[in-house]
C-alpha atoms as a PDB file:
ATOM      1  CA  VAL A   1      25.082  58.767  24.789  1.00  0.00           C
ATOM      2  CA  SER A   2      23.100  55.548  24.817  1.00  0.00           C
ATOM      3  CA  CYS A   3      19.904  54.520  23.058  1.00  0.00           C
ATOM      4  CA  GLN A   4      17.208  57.051  23.924  1.00  0.00           C
ATOM      5  CA  GLN A   5      14.380  54.547  23.391  1.00  0.00           C
ATOM      6  CA  CYS A   6      12.463  56.808  20.990  1.00  0.00           C
ATOM      7  CA  SER A   7       8.678  56.563  21.173  1.00  0.00           C
ATOM      8  CA  GLU A   8       8.546  56.208  17.363  1.00  0.00           C
ATOM      9  CA  PRO A   9      12.050  54.867  16.658  1.00  0.00           C
ATOM     10  CA  PRO A  10      13.348  55.548  13.157  1.00  0.00           C
ATOM     11  CA  CYS A  11      15.683  52.558  13.477  1.00  0.00           C
ATOM     12  CA  VAL A  12      12.654  50.263  13.769  1.00  0.00           C
ATOM     13  CA  ARG A  13      10.814  51.974  10.918  1.00  0.00           C
ATOM     14  CA  VAL A  14      13.693  51.521   8.432  1.00  0.00           C
ATOM     15  CA  CYS A  15      14.621  47.923   9.316  1.00  0.00           C
ATOM     16  CA  PRO A  16      13.714  45.784   6.261  1.00  0.00           C
ATOM     17  CA  THR A  17      13.648  42.474   8.160  1.00  0.00           C
ATOM     18  CA  GLY A  18      11.906  43.447  11.398  1.00  0.00           C
ATOM     19  CA  ALA A  19      15.052  42.641  13.388  1.00  0.00           C
ATOM     20  CA  ALA A  20      14.901  46.080  14.998  1.00  0.00           C
ATOM     21  CA  HIS A  21      11.649  46.107  16.913  1.00  0.00           C
ATOM     22  CA  ILE A  22       9.876  47.210  20.068  1.00  0.00           C
ATOM     23  CA  ASP A  23       9.555  44.436  22.633  1.00  0.00           C
ATOM     24  CA  PRO A  24       5.792  44.012  23.145  1.00  0.00           C
ATOM     25  CA  ALA A  25       6.075  43.195  26.862  1.00  0.00           C
ATOM     26  CA  THR A  26       8.341  46.103  27.859  1.00  0.00           C
ATOM     27  CA  ASN A  27       8.198  48.634  24.972  1.00  0.00           C
ATOM     28  CA  ILE A  28      12.005  48.566  24.868  1.00  0.00           C
ATOM     29  CA  VAL A  29      13.658  49.063  21.461  1.00  0.00           C
ATOM     30  CA  THR A  30      15.724  45.943  20.847  1.00  0.00           C
ATOM     31  CA  MET A  31      17.085  43.590  18.177  1.00  0.00           C
ATOM     32  CA  ASP A  32      16.438  40.046  17.025  1.00  0.00           C
ATOM     33  CA  ASN A  33      19.976  39.140  15.956  1.00  0.00           C
ATOM     34  CA  SER A  34      18.775  36.087  14.047  1.00  0.00           C
ATOM     35  CA  ARG A  35      16.805  38.358  11.688  1.00  0.00           C
ATOM     36  CA  CYS A  36      19.490  41.035  11.231  1.00  0.00           C
ATOM     37  CA  VAL A  37      21.212  40.987   7.814  1.00  0.00           C
ATOM     38  CA  GLY A  38      23.724  43.712   8.721  1.00  0.00           C
ATOM     39  CA  CYS A  39      22.383  46.233   6.194  1.00  0.00           C
ATOM     40  CA  LYS A  40      23.051  49.108   8.630  1.00  0.00           C
ATOM     41  CA  TYR A  41      19.793  50.913   7.794  1.00  0.00           C
ATOM     42  CA  CYS A  42      19.012  51.138  11.514  1.00  0.00           C
ATOM     43  CA  ILE A  43      22.445  52.626  12.149  1.00  0.00           C
ATOM     44  CA  ALA A  44      21.854  55.301   9.501  1.00  0.00           C
ATOM     45  CA  GLY A  45      18.337  55.936  10.829  1.00  0.00           C
ATOM     46  CA  CYS A  46      19.343  56.438  14.456  1.00  0.00           C
ATOM     47  CA  PRO A  47      19.195  60.158  15.288  1.00  0.00           C
ATOM     48  CA  TYR A  48      21.501  59.640  18.288  1.00  0.00           C
ATOM     49  CA  ASN A  49      24.231  57.758  16.411  1.00  0.00           C
ATOM     50  CA  VAL A  50      24.336  54.992  19.021  1.00  0.00           C
ATOM     51  CA  ARG A  51      23.672  51.836  17.016  1.00  0.00           C
ATOM     52  CA  PHE A  52      26.639  49.734  15.949  1.00  0.00           C
ATOM     53  CA  ILE A  53      27.575  46.401  14.387  1.00  0.00           C
ATOM     54  CA  ASN A  54      28.701  43.803  16.906  1.00  0.00           C
ATOM     55  CA  GLU A  55      31.864  42.379  15.384  1.00  0.00           C
ATOM     56  CA  GLU A  56      31.219  38.983  16.986  1.00  0.00           C
ATOM     57  CA  THR A  57      27.614  38.480  15.850  1.00  0.00           C
ATOM     58  CA  LYS A  58      27.757  40.727  12.750  1.00  0.00           C
ATOM     59  CA  ALA A  59      24.358  42.082  13.804  1.00  0.00           C
ATOM     60  CA  ALA A  60      23.370  45.633  14.676  1.00  0.00           C
ATOM     61  CA  GLU A  61      22.962  46.416  18.352  1.00  0.00           C
ATOM     62  CA  ASN A  62      21.781  49.151  20.668  1.00  0.00           C
ATOM     63  CA  CYS A  63      21.431  49.503  24.412  1.00  0.00           C
ATOM     64  CA  ASP A  64      18.244  47.661  25.366  1.00  0.00           C
ATOM     65  CA  PHE A  65      18.568  48.134  29.133  1.00  0.00           C
ATOM     66  CA  CYS A  66      19.831  44.540  29.497  1.00  0.00           C
ATOM     67  CA  LEU A  67      16.426  43.272  28.329  1.00  0.00           C
ATOM     68  CA  HIS A  68      17.672  39.767  27.537  1.00  0.00           C
ATOM     69  CA  SER A  69      20.107  39.437  30.424  1.00  0.00           C
ATOM     70  CA  LYS A  70      19.584  41.313  33.691  1.00  0.00           C
ATOM     71  CA  LEU A  71      15.931  42.301  33.194  1.00  0.00           C
ATOM     72  CA  ALA A  72      15.110  38.754  32.111  1.00  0.00           C
ATOM     73  CA  ILE A  73      16.107  37.482  35.561  1.00  0.00           C
ATOM     74  CA  GLY A  74      14.496  40.318  37.503  1.00  0.00           C
ATOM     75  CA  GLU A  75      17.607  42.448  38.018  1.00  0.00           C
ATOM     76  CA  GLN A  76      18.113  46.127  37.202  1.00  0.00           C
ATOM     77  CA  PRO A  77      20.054  47.133  34.048  1.00  0.00           C
ATOM     78  CA  ALA A  78      23.821  47.412  34.415  1.00  0.00           C
ATOM     79  CA  CYS A  79      23.678  51.194  33.966  1.00  0.00           C
END
């Protein structure tokens, strides 16, 4: 199971720093790693249990359909 891109995502609602947010240009649920404090509220709030802490960045992550990589250069998501 990957991120289901909820229309009213609980992970965004519970994030105290605004790191979990909806990208205004694409409406994709994504993260701003520089704002994430690793509190794991978004992980607890996710009804699909698909958020996780990236061990390298120490920030929470979810599938964002390659928003900042493939989509950013006009390619389709890896999936």
